[in-house]
Amino acid sequence: MIPGEVTQLAGGFIFSFWDGLALTSMRIALSSAIDFWLSSVLGSRFLMAILKTDQYEKLRKFSEDAQTFAGIIFLFVIPSIPKDLLCYFVGASVQRFFPFLAASTIARMQGILGNKLAGSAAYN
């Protein structure tokens, strides 16, 4: 697996800032949607295959709480946290799709913008 930060930098380098920003934003929204959908369709068995049972149980306890949802969305701001796992978790919870997709995409924007600027500056 390639960390998202690497592909974001490369996108800024290859496609310039604006084109890279548009492509990365679409890619991130699409992959988050697929992760959410996959987890919601396959349910808890899918998550339990990825996580240890005790980790899954701890996360499941908090899945219905609005503060936990806000905390999960905050984790999308922090670079290098595996965002796919967060998408899988939210997909297997009771959270709704569109609020999750909007919140997670917006939360990632600061990192995307920084990586696109760095990638396009390296090209220039």
Protein backbone atom coordinates (compact mmCIF):
# COMPACT_ATOMS: atom_id res chain seq x y z
CA MET A 1 0.00 0.00 0.00
CA ILE A 2 1.19 3.47 -0.83
CA PRO A 3 0.52 6.19 1.75
CA GLY A 4 -1.85 8.89 0.52
CA GLU A 5 0.67 11.63 1.22
CA VAL A 6 3.04 10.19 -1.39
CA THR A 7 0.39 10.10 -4.12
CA GLN A 8 -0.78 13.59 -3.17
CA LEU A 9 2.74 14.99 -3.54
CA ALA A 10 3.17 13.14 -6.82
CA GLY A 11 -0.17 14.48 -8.07
CA GLY A 12 0.95 18.06 -7.39
CA PHE A 13 4.22 17.38 -9.17
CA ILE A 14 2.72 15.64 -12.21
CA PHE A 15 -0.60 17.44 -12.71
CA SER A 16 0.09 20.91 -11.20
CA PHE A 17 -1.68 22.32 -8.18
CA TRP A 18 -5.27 22.76 -9.40
CA ASP A 19 -5.52 19.65 -11.56
CA GLY A 20 -3.82 17.57 -8.89
CA LEU A 21 -6.17 18.98 -6.24
CA ALA A 22 -9.25 18.10 -8.28
CA LEU A 23 -8.03 14.59 -9.10
CA THR A 24 -6.93 13.83 -5.55
CA SER A 25 -10.17 15.14 -4.05
CA MET A 26 -12.21 12.95 -6.39
CA ARG A 27 -9.99 9.92 -5.71
CA ILE A 28 -10.23 10.36 -1.96
CA ALA A 29 -14.00 10.81 -2.02
CA LEU A 30 -14.42 7.76 -4.26
CA SER A 31 -12.12 5.52 -2.21
CA SER A 32 -13.78 6.63 1.05
CA ALA A 33 -17.18 5.87 -0.46
CA ILE A 34 -16.03 2.41 -1.58
CA ASP A 35 -14.52 1.67 1.85
CA PHE A 36 -17.70 2.83 3.60
CA TRP A 37 -19.94 0.84 1.27
CA LEU A 38 -17.78 -2.30 1.48
CA SER A 39 -17.82 -2.20 5.24
CA SER A 40 -21.54 -1.48 5.46
CA VAL A 41 -22.36 -4.37 3.11
CA LEU A 42 -19.99 -6.89 4.67
CA GLY A 43 -20.65 -5.67 8.21
CA SER A 44 -18.84 -6.50 11.39
CA ARG A 45 -17.27 -9.72 10.06
CA PHE A 46 -15.25 -7.62 7.64
CA LEU A 47 -14.02 -5.33 10.41
CA MET A 48 -13.22 -8.23 12.69
CA ALA A 49 -11.01 -9.69 9.96
CA ILE A 50 -8.97 -6.48 10.01
CA LEU A 51 -8.95 -5.73 13.74
CA LYS A 52 -8.37 -7.81 16.82
CA THR A 53 -11.56 -8.76 18.64
CA ASP A 54 -10.85 -6.54 21.65
CA GLN A 55 -10.07 -3.56 19.38
CA TYR A 56 -13.29 -4.11 17.49
CA GLU A 57 -15.34 -4.33 20.70
CA LYS A 58 -13.86 -1.08 22.03
CA LEU A 59 -14.63 0.72 18.80
CA ARG A 60 -18.12 -0.74 18.53
CA LYS A 61 -19.07 0.63 21.96
CA PHE A 62 -18.48 4.16 20.76
CA SER A 63 -19.87 3.87 17.23
CA GLU A 64 -23.26 5.42 17.98
CA ASP A 65 -21.94 8.40 19.92
CA ALA A 66 -21.86 11.80 18.14
CA GLN A 67 -18.70 12.80 20.01
CA THR A 68 -16.98 9.67 18.78
CA PHE A 69 -17.99 10.49 15.22
CA ALA A 70 -16.50 13.97 15.66
CA GLY A 71 -13.33 12.40 17.06
CA ILE A 72 -13.07 10.03 14.12
CA ILE A 73 -13.49 12.91 11.69
CA PHE A 74 -10.76 14.79 13.59
CA LEU A 75 -8.43 11.83 12.98
CA PHE A 76 -8.77 12.49 9.25
CA VAL A 77 -6.90 15.77 9.82
CA ILE A 78 -3.82 14.01 11.19
CA PRO A 79 -1.37 12.88 8.50
CA SER A 80 -0.22 9.25 8.28
CA ILE A 81 -3.20 7.76 10.14
CA PRO A 82 -4.62 4.92 8.02
CA LYS A 83 -7.80 6.55 6.77
CA ASP A 84 -9.09 3.34 5.16
CA LEU A 85 -9.51 1.73 8.57
CA LEU A 86 -11.48 4.74 9.76
CA CYS A 87 -13.74 4.51 6.70
CA TYR A 88 -14.28 0.80 7.34
CA PHE A 89 -15.18 1.45 10.95
CA VAL A 90 -17.67 4.21 10.18
CA GLY A 91 -19.20 2.10 7.41
CA ALA A 92 -19.87 -0.72 9.85
CA SER A 93 -21.40 1.66 12.38
CA VAL A 94 -24.78 3.35 12.38
CA GLN A 95 -23.44 6.58 10.86
CA ARG A 96 -24.98 7.82 7.62
CA PHE A 97 -23.07 7.94 4.36
CA PHE A 98 -23.35 11.53 3.11
CA PRO A 99 -22.50 13.30 6.39
CA PHE A 100 -19.50 11.01 6.74
CA LEU A 101 -18.30 11.57 3.17
CA ALA A 102 -18.63 15.35 3.41
CA ALA A 103 -16.98 15.58 6.84
CA SER A 104 -14.08 13.26 6.00
CA THR A 105 -13.37 15.01 2.69
CA ILE A 106 -13.39 18.45 4.29
CA ALA A 107 -11.20 17.23 7.17
CA ARG A 108 -8.57 15.98 4.72
CA MET A 109 -8.39 19.22 2.72
CA GLN A 110 -5.65 20.92 4.73
CA GLY A 111 -3.29 17.99 4.18
CA ILE A 112 -4.21 17.71 0.52
CA LEU A 113 -3.63 21.43 -0.05
CA GLY A 114 -0.23 21.30 1.65
CA ASN A 115 0.89 18.26 -0.33
CA LYS A 116 -0.30 19.76 -3.62
CA LEU A 117 1.56 22.98 -2.92
CA ALA A 118 4.72 21.06 -2.07
CA GLY A 119 4.44 18.83 -5.14
CA SER A 120 3.79 21.69 -7.56
CA ALA A 121 6.56 23.77 -5.96
CA ALA A 122 8.99 20.89 -6.43
CA TYR A 123 8.05 20.78 -10.10
CA ASN A 124 8.51 24.52 -10.54
